Every structure is written in C-alpha cells, then in structure tokens.
PDB file of N, CA and C in Angstrom:
ATOM      1  N   MET A   1      26.164 -17.236  51.803  1.00  0.00           N
ATOM      2  CA  MET A   1      24.771 -16.861  51.653  1.00  0.00           C
ATOM      3  C   MET A   1      24.270 -17.348  50.293  1.00  0.00           C
ATOM      4  N   ALA A   2      23.182 -18.080  50.284  1.00  0.00           N
ATOM      5  CA  ALA A   2      22.621 -18.642  49.052  1.00  0.00           C
ATOM      6  C   ALA A   2      21.801 -17.584  48.312  1.00  0.00           C
ATOM      7  N   LYS A   3      21.930 -17.630  47.001  1.00  0.00           N
ATOM      8  CA  LYS A   3      21.128 -16.714  46.179  1.00  0.00           C
ATOM      9  C   LYS A   3      19.689 -17.205  46.132  1.00  0.00           C
ATOM     10  N   VAL A   4      18.778 -16.289  46.248  1.00  0.00           N
ATOM     11  CA  VAL A   4      17.361 -16.624  46.163  1.00  0.00           C
ATOM     12  C   VAL A   4      16.850 -16.139  44.803  1.00  0.00           C
ATOM     13  N   LYS A   5      16.252 -17.045  44.051  1.00  0.00           N
ATOM     14  CA  LYS A   5      15.702 -16.664  42.757  1.00  0.00           C
ATOM     15  C   LYS A   5      14.355 -15.998  42.968  1.00  0.00           C
ATOM     16  N   GLU A   6      14.205 -14.852  42.350  1.00  0.00           N
ATOM     17  CA  GLU A   6      12.919 -14.164  42.430  1.00  0.00           C
ATOM     18  C   GLU A   6      12.021 -14.677  41.324  1.00  0.00           C
ATOM     19  N   LYS A   7      10.753 -14.808  41.640  1.00  0.00           N
ATOM     20  CA  LYS A   7       9.770 -15.227  40.653  1.00  0.00           C
ATOM     21  C   LYS A   7       8.806 -14.075  40.421  1.00  0.00           C
ATOM     22  N   PHE A   8       8.553 -13.826  39.175  1.00  0.00           N
ATOM     23  CA  PHE A   8       7.638 -12.762  38.806  1.00  0.00           C
ATOM     24  C   PHE A   8       6.482 -13.340  38.010  1.00  0.00           C
ATOM     25  N   ALA A   9       5.311 -12.850  38.283  1.00  0.00           N
ATOM     26  CA  ALA A   9       4.132 -13.272  37.531  1.00  0.00           C
ATOM     27  C   ALA A   9       4.063 -12.468  36.242  1.00  0.00           C
ATOM     28  N   ARG A  10       3.520 -13.074  35.214  1.00  0.00           N
ATOM     29  CA  ARG A  10       3.329 -12.388  33.943  1.00  0.00           C
ATOM     30  C   ARG A  10       2.276 -11.302  34.131  1.00  0.00           C
ATOM     31  N   TYR A  11       2.535 -10.113  33.621  1.00  0.00           N
ATOM     32  CA  TYR A  11       1.560  -9.022  33.703  1.00  0.00           C
ATOM     33  C   TYR A  11       0.972  -8.790  32.323  1.00  0.00           C
ATOM     34  N   ASP A  12      -0.340  -8.698  32.254  1.00  0.00           N
ATOM     35  CA  ASP A  12      -1.023  -8.386  31.006  1.00  0.00           C
ATOM     36  C   ASP A  12      -2.183  -7.458  31.340  1.00  0.00           C
ATOM     37  N   THR A  13      -2.141  -6.261  30.815  1.00  0.00           N
ATOM     38  CA  THR A  13      -3.189  -5.270  31.062  1.00  0.00           C
ATOM     39  C   THR A  13      -4.567  -5.840  30.747  1.00  0.00           C
ATOM     40  N   ALA A  14      -4.659  -6.664  29.724  1.00  0.00           N
ATOM     41  CA  ALA A  14      -5.948  -7.232  29.318  1.00  0.00           C
ATOM     42  C   ALA A  14      -6.620  -7.987  30.465  1.00  0.00           C
ATOM     43  N   ASP A  15      -5.839  -8.535  31.375  1.00  0.00           N
ATOM     44  CA  ASP A  15      -6.396  -9.270  32.509  1.00  0.00           C
ATOM     45  C   ASP A  15      -7.150  -8.362  33.483  1.00  0.00           C
ATOM     46  N   TYR A  16      -6.907  -7.061  33.413  1.00  0.00           N
ATOM     47  CA  TYR A  16      -7.495  -6.125  34.373  1.00  0.00           C
ATOM     48  C   TYR A  16      -8.599  -5.262  33.773  1.00  0.00           C
ATOM     49  N   LEU A  17      -8.886  -5.437  32.506  1.00  0.00           N
ATOM     50  CA  LEU A  17      -9.946  -4.672  31.845  1.00  0.00           C
ATOM     51  C   LEU A  17     -11.242  -5.456  31.973  1.00  0.00           C
ATOM     52  N   GLU A  18     -11.910  -5.293  33.093  1.00  0.00           N
ATOM     53  CA  GLU A  18     -13.046  -6.138  33.423  1.00  0.00           C
ATOM     54  C   GLU A  18     -14.400  -5.545  33.088  1.00  0.00           C
ATOM     55  N   SER A  19     -14.499  -4.234  32.984  1.00  0.00           N
ATOM     56  CA  SER A  19     -15.802  -3.617  32.721  1.00  0.00           C
ATOM     57  C   SER A  19     -15.685  -2.619  31.574  1.00  0.00           C
ATOM     58  N   GLU A  20     -16.826  -2.241  31.048  1.00  0.00           N
ATOM     59  CA  GLU A  20     -16.844  -1.237  29.978  1.00  0.00           C
ATOM     60  C   GLU A  20     -16.251   0.085  30.468  1.00  0.00           C
ATOM     61  N   GLU A  21     -16.495   0.408  31.737  1.00  0.00           N
ATOM     62  CA  GLU A  21     -15.953   1.641  32.313  1.00  0.00           C
ATOM     63  C   GLU A  21     -14.431   1.582  32.387  1.00  0.00           C
ATOM     64  N   ASP A  22     -13.898   0.426  32.787  1.00  0.00           N
ATOM     65  CA  ASP A  22     -12.441   0.241  32.827  1.00  0.00           C
ATOM     66  C   ASP A  22     -11.842   0.440  31.438  1.00  0.00           C
ATOM     67  N   ILE A  23     -12.467  -0.176  30.460  1.00  0.00           N
ATOM     68  CA  ILE A  23     -11.968  -0.118  29.086  1.00  0.00           C
ATOM     69  C   ILE A  23     -12.018   1.307  28.551  1.00  0.00           C
ATOM     70  N   ALA A  24     -13.142   1.995  28.748  1.00  0.00           N
ATOM     71  CA  ALA A  24     -13.283   3.371  28.261  1.00  0.00           C
ATOM     72  C   ALA A  24     -12.262   4.291  28.933  1.00  0.00           C
ATOM     73  N   ALA A  25     -12.070   4.139  30.235  1.00  0.00           N
ATOM     74  CA  ALA A  25     -11.101   4.974  30.952  1.00  0.00           C
ATOM     75  C   ALA A  25      -9.680   4.702  30.464  1.00  0.00           C
ATOM     76  N   TYR A  26      -9.368   3.445  30.243  1.00  0.00           N
ATOM     77  CA  TYR A  26      -8.031   3.062  29.766  1.00  0.00           C
ATOM     78  C   TYR A  26      -7.761   3.639  28.378  1.00  0.00           C
ATOM     79  N   LEU A  27      -8.698   3.465  27.454  1.00  0.00           N
ATOM     80  CA  LEU A  27      -8.514   3.997  26.106  1.00  0.00           C
ATOM     81  C   LEU A  27      -8.413   5.521  26.117  1.00  0.00           C
ATOM     82  N   SER A  28      -9.243   6.171  26.925  1.00  0.00           N
ATOM     83  CA  SER A  28      -9.202   7.640  27.006  1.00  0.00           C
ATOM     84  C   SER A  28      -7.863   8.121  27.551  1.00  0.00           C
ATOM     85  N   ALA A  29      -7.374   7.470  28.603  1.00  0.00           N
ATOM     86  CA  ALA A  29      -6.091   7.871  29.186  1.00  0.00           C
ATOM     87  C   ALA A  29      -4.954   7.686  28.185  1.00  0.00           C
ATOM     88  N   CYS A  30      -4.982   6.587  27.448  1.00  0.00           N
ATOM     89  CA  CYS A  30      -3.932   6.347  26.449  1.00  0.00           C
ATOM     90  C   CYS A  30      -4.033   7.343  25.294  1.00  0.00           C
ATOM     91  N   ALA A  31      -5.246   7.675  24.883  1.00  0.00           N
ATOM     92  CA  ALA A  31      -5.434   8.642  23.791  1.00  0.00           C
ATOM     93  C   ALA A  31      -4.916  10.022  24.193  1.00  0.00           C
ATOM     94  N   GLU A  32      -5.065  10.384  25.461  1.00  0.00           N
ATOM     95  CA  GLU A  32      -4.604  11.695  25.941  1.00  0.00           C
ATOM     96  C   GLU A  32      -3.092  11.846  25.887  1.00  0.00           C
ATOM     97  N   GLU A  33      -2.371  10.747  25.844  1.00  0.00           N
ATOM     98  CA  GLU A  33      -0.905  10.801  25.789  1.00  0.00           C
ATOM     99  C   GLU A  33      -0.387  11.251  24.425  1.00  0.00           C
ATOM    100  N   ASN A  34      -1.270  11.281  23.427  1.00  0.00           N
ATOM    101  CA  ASN A  34      -0.905  11.719  22.077  1.00  0.00           C
ATOM    102  C   ASN A  34       0.262  10.908  21.507  1.00  0.00           C
ATOM    103  N   ASP A  35       0.216   9.606  21.740  1.00  0.00           N
ATOM    104  CA  ASP A  35       1.239   8.684  21.258  1.00  0.00           C
ATOM    105  C   ASP A  35       0.520   7.573  20.486  1.00  0.00           C
ATOM    106  N   PRO A  36       0.550   7.645  19.156  1.00  0.00           N
ATOM    107  CA  PRO A  36      -0.186   6.657  18.363  1.00  0.00           C
ATOM    108  C   PRO A  36       0.179   5.207  18.689  1.00  0.00           C
ATOM    109  N   ALA A  37       1.442   4.915  18.919  1.00  0.00           N
ATOM    110  CA  ALA A  37       1.855   3.544  19.227  1.00  0.00           C
ATOM    111  C   ALA A  37       1.233   3.081  20.539  1.00  0.00           C
ATOM    112  N   LEU A  38       1.194   3.957  21.537  1.00  0.00           N
ATOM    113  CA  LEU A  38       0.578   3.610  22.820  1.00  0.00           C
ATOM    114  C   LEU A  38      -0.907   3.331  22.643  1.00  0.00           C
ATOM    115  N   PHE A  39      -1.585   4.142  21.840  1.00  0.00           N
ATOM    116  CA  PHE A  39      -3.012   3.934  21.622  1.00  0.00           C
ATOM    117  C   PHE A  39      -3.262   2.611  20.902  1.00  0.00           C
ATOM    118  N   LEU A  40      -2.416   2.265  19.947  1.00  0.00           N
ATOM    119  CA  LEU A  40      -2.569   0.983  19.249  1.00  0.00           C
ATOM    120  C   LEU A  40      -2.374  -0.189  20.201  1.00  0.00           C
ATOM    121  N   VAL A  41      -1.394  -0.085  21.082  1.00  0.00           N
ATOM    122  CA  VAL A  41      -1.172  -1.138  22.075  1.00  0.00           C
ATOM    123  C   VAL A  41      -2.395  -1.242  22.990  1.00  0.00           C
ATOM    124  N   ALA A  42      -2.956  -0.101  23.374  1.00  0.00           N
ATOM    125  CA  ALA A  42      -4.151  -0.099  24.226  1.00  0.00           C
ATOM    126  C   ALA A  42      -5.318  -0.784  23.516  1.00  0.00           C
ATOM    127  N   LEU A  43      -5.508  -0.486  22.230  1.00  0.00           N
ATOM    128  CA  LEU A  43      -6.558  -1.171  21.474  1.00  0.00           C
ATOM    129  C   LEU A  43      -6.298  -2.674  21.440  1.00  0.00           C
ATOM    130  N   GLY A  44      -5.036  -3.046  21.311  1.00  0.00           N
ATOM    131  CA  GLY A  44      -4.678  -4.464  21.330  1.00  0.00           C
ATOM    132  C   GLY A  44      -4.985  -5.113  22.669  1.00  0.00           C
ATOM    133  N   ASP A  45      -4.711  -4.388  23.765  1.00  0.00           N
ATOM    134  CA  ASP A  45      -5.039  -4.892  25.094  1.00  0.00           C
ATOM    135  C   ASP A  45      -6.541  -5.137  25.227  1.00  0.00           C
ATOM    136  N   VAL A  46      -7.320  -4.162  24.756  1.00  0.00           N
ATOM    137  CA  VAL A  46      -8.776  -4.286  24.822  1.00  0.00           C
ATOM    138  C   VAL A  46      -9.250  -5.439  23.944  1.00  0.00           C
ATOM    139  N   ALA A  47      -8.663  -5.561  22.763  1.00  0.00           N
ATOM    140  CA  ALA A  47      -9.041  -6.648  21.851  1.00  0.00           C
ATOM    141  C   ALA A  47      -8.772  -8.004  22.491  1.00  0.00           C
ATOM    142  N   ARG A  48      -7.622  -8.150  23.175  1.00  0.00           N
ATOM    143  CA  ARG A  48      -7.316  -9.409  23.849  1.00  0.00           C
ATOM    144  C   ARG A  48      -8.264  -9.649  25.018  1.00  0.00           C
ATOM    145  N   ALA A  49      -8.635  -8.586  25.720  1.00  0.00           N
ATOM    146  CA  ALA A  49      -9.565  -8.722  26.848  1.00  0.00           C
ATOM    147  C   ALA A  49     -10.946  -9.168  26.365  1.00  0.00           C
ATOM    148  N   ARG A  50     -11.312  -8.729  25.172  1.00  0.00           N
ATOM    149  CA  ARG A  50     -12.643  -9.035  24.644  1.00  0.00           C
ATOM    150  C   ARG A  50     -12.695 -10.352  23.881  1.00  0.00           C
ATOM    151  N   ASN A  51     -11.694 -10.712  23.155  1.00  0.00           N
ATOM    152  CA  ASN A  51     -11.587 -11.943  22.361  1.00  0.00           C
ATOM    153  C   ASN A  51     -11.151 -11.577  20.941  1.00  0.00           C
ATOM    154  N   MET A  52      -9.895 -11.755  20.694  1.00  0.00           N
ATOM    155  CA  MET A  52      -9.291 -11.373  19.415  1.00  0.00           C
ATOM    156  C   MET A  52      -9.926 -12.113  18.242  1.00  0.00           C
ATOM    157  N   SER A  53     -10.276 -13.370  18.419  1.00  0.00           N
ATOM    158  CA  SER A  53     -10.873 -14.144  17.321  1.00  0.00           C
ATOM    159  C   SER A  53     -12.230 -13.571  16.912  1.00  0.00           C
ATOM    160  N   GLU A  54     -13.056 -13.219  17.894  1.00  0.00           N
ATOM    161  CA  GLU A  54     -14.353 -12.621  17.586  1.00  0.00           C
ATOM    162  C   GLU A  54     -14.185 -11.269  16.904  1.00  0.00           C
ATOM    163  N   LEU A  55     -13.217 -10.494  17.380  1.00  0.00           N
ATOM    164  CA  LEU A  55     -12.952  -9.186  16.783  1.00  0.00           C
ATOM    165  C   LEU A  55     -12.516  -9.341  15.328  1.00  0.00           C
ATOM    166  N   ALA A  56     -11.696 -10.332  15.059  1.00  0.00           N
ATOM    167  CA  ALA A  56     -11.256 -10.582  13.688  1.00  0.00           C
ATOM    168  C   ALA A  56     -12.460 -10.879  12.799  1.00  0.00           C
ATOM    169  N   ALA A  57     -13.370 -11.697  13.284  1.00  0.00           N
ATOM    170  CA  ALA A  57     -14.564 -12.029  12.503  1.00  0.00           C
ATOM    171  C   ALA A  57     -15.434 -10.791  12.265  1.00  0.00           C
ATOM    172  N   GLN A  58     -15.558  -9.946  13.268  1.00  0.00           N
ATOM    173  CA  GLN A  58     -16.390  -8.741  13.146  1.00  0.00           C
ATOM    174  C   GLN A  58     -15.791  -7.707  12.200  1.00  0.00           C
ATOM    175  N   THR A  59     -14.473  -7.618  12.163  1.00  0.00           N
ATOM    176  CA  THR A  59     -13.818  -6.595  11.338  1.00  0.00           C
ATOM    177  C   THR A  59     -13.471  -7.082   9.940  1.00  0.00           C
ATOM    178  N   GLY A  60     -13.506  -8.400   9.749  1.00  0.00           N
ATOM    179  CA  GLY A  60     -13.115  -8.946   8.455  1.00  0.00           C
ATOM    180  C   GLY A  60     -11.607  -9.008   8.276  1.00  0.00           C
ATOM    181  N   LEU A  61     -10.870  -8.839   9.355  1.00  0.00           N
ATOM    182  CA  LEU A  61      -9.410  -8.898   9.321  1.00  0.00           C
ATOM    183  C   LEU A  61      -8.968 -10.225   9.929  1.00  0.00           C
ATOM    184  N   THR A  62      -7.763 -10.642   9.630  1.00  0.00           N
ATOM    185  CA  THR A  62      -7.276 -11.888  10.224  1.00  0.00           C
ATOM    186  C   THR A  62      -6.830 -11.633  11.659  1.00  0.00           C
ATOM    187  N   ARG A  63      -6.866 -12.690  12.438  1.00  0.00           N
ATOM    188  CA  ARG A  63      -6.430 -12.592  13.830  1.00  0.00           C
ATOM    189  C   ARG A  63      -4.963 -12.158  13.904  1.00  0.00           C
ATOM    190  N   MET A  64      -4.125 -12.785  13.095  1.00  0.00           N
ATOM    191  CA  MET A  64      -2.698 -12.427  13.089  1.00  0.00           C
ATOM    192  C   MET A  64      -2.485 -10.996  12.583  1.00  0.00           C
ATOM    193  N   GLY A  65      -3.290 -10.594  11.604  1.00  0.00           N
ATOM    194  CA  GLY A  65      -3.208  -9.226  11.105  1.00  0.00           C
ATOM    195  C   GLY A  65      -3.550  -8.219  12.183  1.00  0.00           C
ATOM    196  N   LEU A  66      -4.543  -8.553  13.005  1.00  0.00           N
ATOM    197  CA  LEU A  66      -4.914  -7.671  14.112  1.00  0.00           C
ATOM    198  C   LEU A  66      -3.794  -7.595  15.145  1.00  0.00           C
ATOM    199  N   TYR A  67      -3.223  -8.749  15.492  1.00  0.00           N
ATOM    200  CA  TYR A  67      -2.114  -8.743  16.446  1.00  0.00           C
ATOM    201  C   TYR A  67      -0.982  -7.842  15.952  1.00  0.00           C
ATOM    202  N   LYS A  68      -0.663  -7.954  14.681  1.00  0.00           N
ATOM    203  CA  LYS A  68       0.421  -7.143  14.115  1.00  0.00           C
ATOM    204  C   LYS A  68       0.046  -5.665  14.102  1.00  0.00           C
ATOM    205  N   ALA A  69      -1.156  -5.351  13.625  1.00  0.00           N
ATOM    206  CA  ALA A  69      -1.591  -3.954  13.525  1.00  0.00           C
ATOM    207  C   ALA A  69      -1.654  -3.273  14.885  1.00  0.00           C
ATOM    208  N   LEU A  70      -2.039  -4.028  15.909  1.00  0.00           N
ATOM    209  CA  LEU A  70      -2.238  -3.449  17.237  1.00  0.00           C
ATOM    210  C   LEU A  70      -1.070  -3.694  18.175  1.00  0.00           C
ATOM    211  N   SER A  71       0.071  -3.987  17.618  1.00  0.00           N
ATOM    212  CA  SER A  71       1.246  -4.305  18.432  1.00  0.00           C
ATOM    213  C   SER A  71       1.990  -3.067  18.923  1.00  0.00           C
ATOM    214  N   GLY A  72       1.729  -1.931  18.335  1.00  0.00           N
ATOM    215  CA  GLY A  72       2.513  -0.738  18.674  1.00  0.00           C
ATOM    216  C   GLY A  72       3.630  -0.517  17.678  1.00  0.00           C
ATOM    217  N   THR A  73       4.035  -1.575  16.983  1.00  0.00           N
ATOM    218  CA  THR A  73       5.049  -1.439  15.942  1.00  0.00           C
ATOM    219  C   THR A  73       4.425  -1.595  14.561  1.00  0.00           C
ATOM    220  N   GLY A  74       3.156  -1.970  14.528  1.00  0.00           N
ATOM    221  CA  GLY A  74       2.441  -2.073  13.261  1.00  0.00           C
ATOM    222  C   GLY A  74       2.129  -0.685  12.732  1.00  0.00           C
ATOM    223  N   ASN A  75       1.671  -0.621  11.517  1.00  0.00           N
ATOM    224  CA  ASN A  75       1.335   0.666  10.913  1.00  0.00           C
ATOM    225  C   ASN A  75      -0.028   0.546  10.227  1.00  0.00           C
ATOM    226  N   PRO A  76      -1.085   0.350  11.038  1.00  0.00           N
ATOM    227  CA  PRO A  76      -2.403   0.149  10.428  1.00  0.00           C
ATOM    228  C   PRO A  76      -2.951   1.431   9.825  1.00  0.00           C
ATOM    229  N   SER A  77      -3.826   1.266   8.863  1.00  0.00           N
ATOM    230  CA  SER A  77      -4.492   2.433   8.290  1.00  0.00           C
ATOM    231  C   SER A  77      -5.514   2.958   9.286  1.00  0.00           C
ATOM    232  N   PHE A  78      -5.946   4.188   9.070  1.00  0.00           N
ATOM    233  CA  PHE A  78      -6.988   4.747   9.926  1.00  0.00           C
ATOM    234  C   PHE A  78      -8.261   3.916   9.795  1.00  0.00           C
ATOM    235  N   ALA A  79      -8.516   3.395   8.603  1.00  0.00           N
ATOM    236  CA  ALA A  79      -9.701   2.564   8.394  1.00  0.00           C
ATOM    237  C   ALA A  79      -9.670   1.338   9.300  1.00  0.00           C
ATOM    238  N   THR A  80      -8.502   0.727   9.456  1.00  0.00           N
ATOM    239  CA  THR A  80      -8.375  -0.438  10.327  1.00  0.00           C
ATOM    240  C   THR A  80      -8.619  -0.052  11.779  1.00  0.00           C
ATOM    241  N   VAL A  81      -8.007   1.031  12.216  1.00  0.00           N
ATOM    242  CA  VAL A  81      -8.189   1.496  13.593  1.00  0.00           C
ATOM    243  C   VAL A  81      -9.660   1.809  13.849  1.00  0.00           C
ATOM    244  N   SER A  82     -10.296   2.460  12.891  1.00  0.00           N
ATOM    245  CA  SER A  82     -11.706   2.804  13.024  1.00  0.00           C
ATOM    246  C   SER A  82     -12.583   1.558  13.092  1.00  0.00           C
ATOM    247  N   LYS A  83     -12.303   0.566  12.242  1.00  0.00           N
ATOM    248  CA  LYS A  83     -13.055  -0.700  12.258  1.00  0.00           C
ATOM    249  C   LYS A  83     -12.930  -1.394  13.610  1.00  0.00           C
ATOM    250  N   VAL A  84     -11.726  -1.430  14.123  1.00  0.00           N
ATOM    251  CA  VAL A  84     -11.480  -2.090  15.399  1.00  0.00           C
ATOM    252  C   VAL A  84     -12.223  -1.358  16.516  1.00  0.00           C
ATOM    253  N   ALA A  85     -12.085  -0.036  16.562  1.00  0.00           N
ATOM    254  CA  ALA A  85     -12.771   0.739  17.600  1.00  0.00           C
ATOM    255  C   ALA A  85     -14.280   0.517  17.529  1.00  0.00           C
ATOM    256  N   HIS A  86     -14.821   0.558  16.326  1.00  0.00           N
ATOM    257  CA  HIS A  86     -16.263   0.367  16.150  1.00  0.00           C
ATOM    258  C   HIS A  86     -16.686  -1.036  16.592  1.00  0.00           C
ATOM    259  N   ALA A  87     -15.917  -2.049  16.215  1.00  0.00           N
ATOM    260  CA  ALA A  87     -16.254  -3.424  16.593  1.00  0.00           C
ATOM    261  C   ALA A  87     -16.178  -3.620  18.107  1.00  0.00           C
ATOM    262  N   LEU A  88     -15.343  -2.821  18.772  1.00  0.00           N
ATOM    263  CA  LEU A  88     -15.233  -2.893  20.220  1.00  0.00           C
ATOM    264  C   LEU A  88     -16.314  -2.066  20.924  1.00  0.00           C
ATOM    265  N   GLY A  89     -17.107  -1.336  20.125  1.00  0.00           N
ATOM    266  CA  GLY A  89     -18.193  -0.543  20.698  1.00  0.00           C
ATOM    267  C   GLY A  89     -17.815   0.893  21.004  1.00  0.00           C
ATOM    268  N   PHE A  90     -16.755   1.377  20.363  1.00  0.00           N
ATOM    269  CA  PHE A  90     -16.300   2.747  20.589  1.00  0.00           C
ATOM    270  C   PHE A  90     -16.283   3.518  19.281  1.00  0.00           C
ATOM    271  N   LYS A  91     -16.328   4.846  19.376  1.00  0.00           N
ATOM    272  CA  LYS A  91     -16.176   5.683  18.201  1.00  0.00           C
ATOM    273  C   LYS A  91     -15.020   6.628  18.449  1.00  0.00           C
ATOM    274  N   ILE A  92     -14.383   7.007  17.385  1.00  0.00           N
ATOM    275  CA  ILE A  92     -13.254   7.933  17.470  1.00  0.00           C
ATOM    276  C   ILE A  92     -13.789   9.328  17.233  1.00  0.00           C
ATOM    277  N   THR A  93     -13.496  10.227  18.153  1.00  0.00           N
ATOM    278  CA  THR A  93     -13.960  11.607  18.023  1.00  0.00           C
ATOM    279  C   THR A  93     -12.776  12.547  18.070  1.00  0.00           C
ATOM    280  N   VAL A  94     -12.984  13.751  17.588  1.00  0.00           N
ATOM    281  CA  VAL A  94     -11.949  14.783  17.598  1.00  0.00           C
ATOM    282  C   VAL A  94     -12.505  15.985  18.334  1.00  0.00           C
ATOM    283  N   GLU A  95     -11.678  16.561  19.194  1.00  0.00           N
ATOM    284  CA  GLU A  95     -12.076  17.774  19.885  1.00  0.00           C
ATOM    285  C   GLU A  95     -10.910  18.747  19.897  1.00  0.00           C
ATOM    286  N   ALA A  96     -11.219  19.994  20.076  1.00  0.00           N
ATOM    287  CA  ALA A  96     -10.178  21.026  20.077  1.00  0.00           C
ATOM    288  C   ALA A  96      -9.249  20.817  21.272  1.00  0.00           C
ATOM    289  N   ALA A  97      -7.969  21.002  21.021  1.00  0.00           N
ATOM    290  CA  ALA A  97      -6.973  20.870  22.097  1.00  0.00           C
ATOM    291  C   ALA A  97      -7.049  22.094  22.913  1.00  0.00           C
TER     292      ALA A  97
END
C-alpha cells in the first residue's frame, strides 16, 4: 500500500476578518479570555488584515516593531497597544467583572 501525502493549506485568521463586525467580535472574544498574549496575537491578526504598513505609518512605529510587539511573545507597553487599537478604529475600555 502506497503512502499518500496529505496537503494542508496555510491558515491565517487575518484572511477571514472581512468586516468591521467580524473584527470587533474577534477582538472582543479574545479579550474575554483574559490572556494578554492571545489579545496581542488578535491585534496582530487584525493589523495584518488591515495592512501592517499603513498601521505602522499611523502609529509612528516600525512595521517590524509592530510584528514583534503583536506576536504574542512581544512585551509592548500599554501605550503601544493603545496606539494600535486607536489606529485600527477601536478603543480600550474597562468594565467591572
């Protein structure tokens, strides 16, 4: 019996964030998990869906700096996260748990 090689397509969440509603729902769901690394990755997904180069220009940060900060292993300041959220058209709010 011959082995059959399986082929898998590359998956990227950014490919599926097509509308503002999709993006808002995705960010909200990730924020509810209370996992800062997950939220940073989600912001990175949204940034890639929107255009990382434009986001870099809007925030005054480098494109590579944004990739690193939003990788989930980066350690961006709150100011950076806030700048990115604002440039993407979102605001960060706090509510009672």
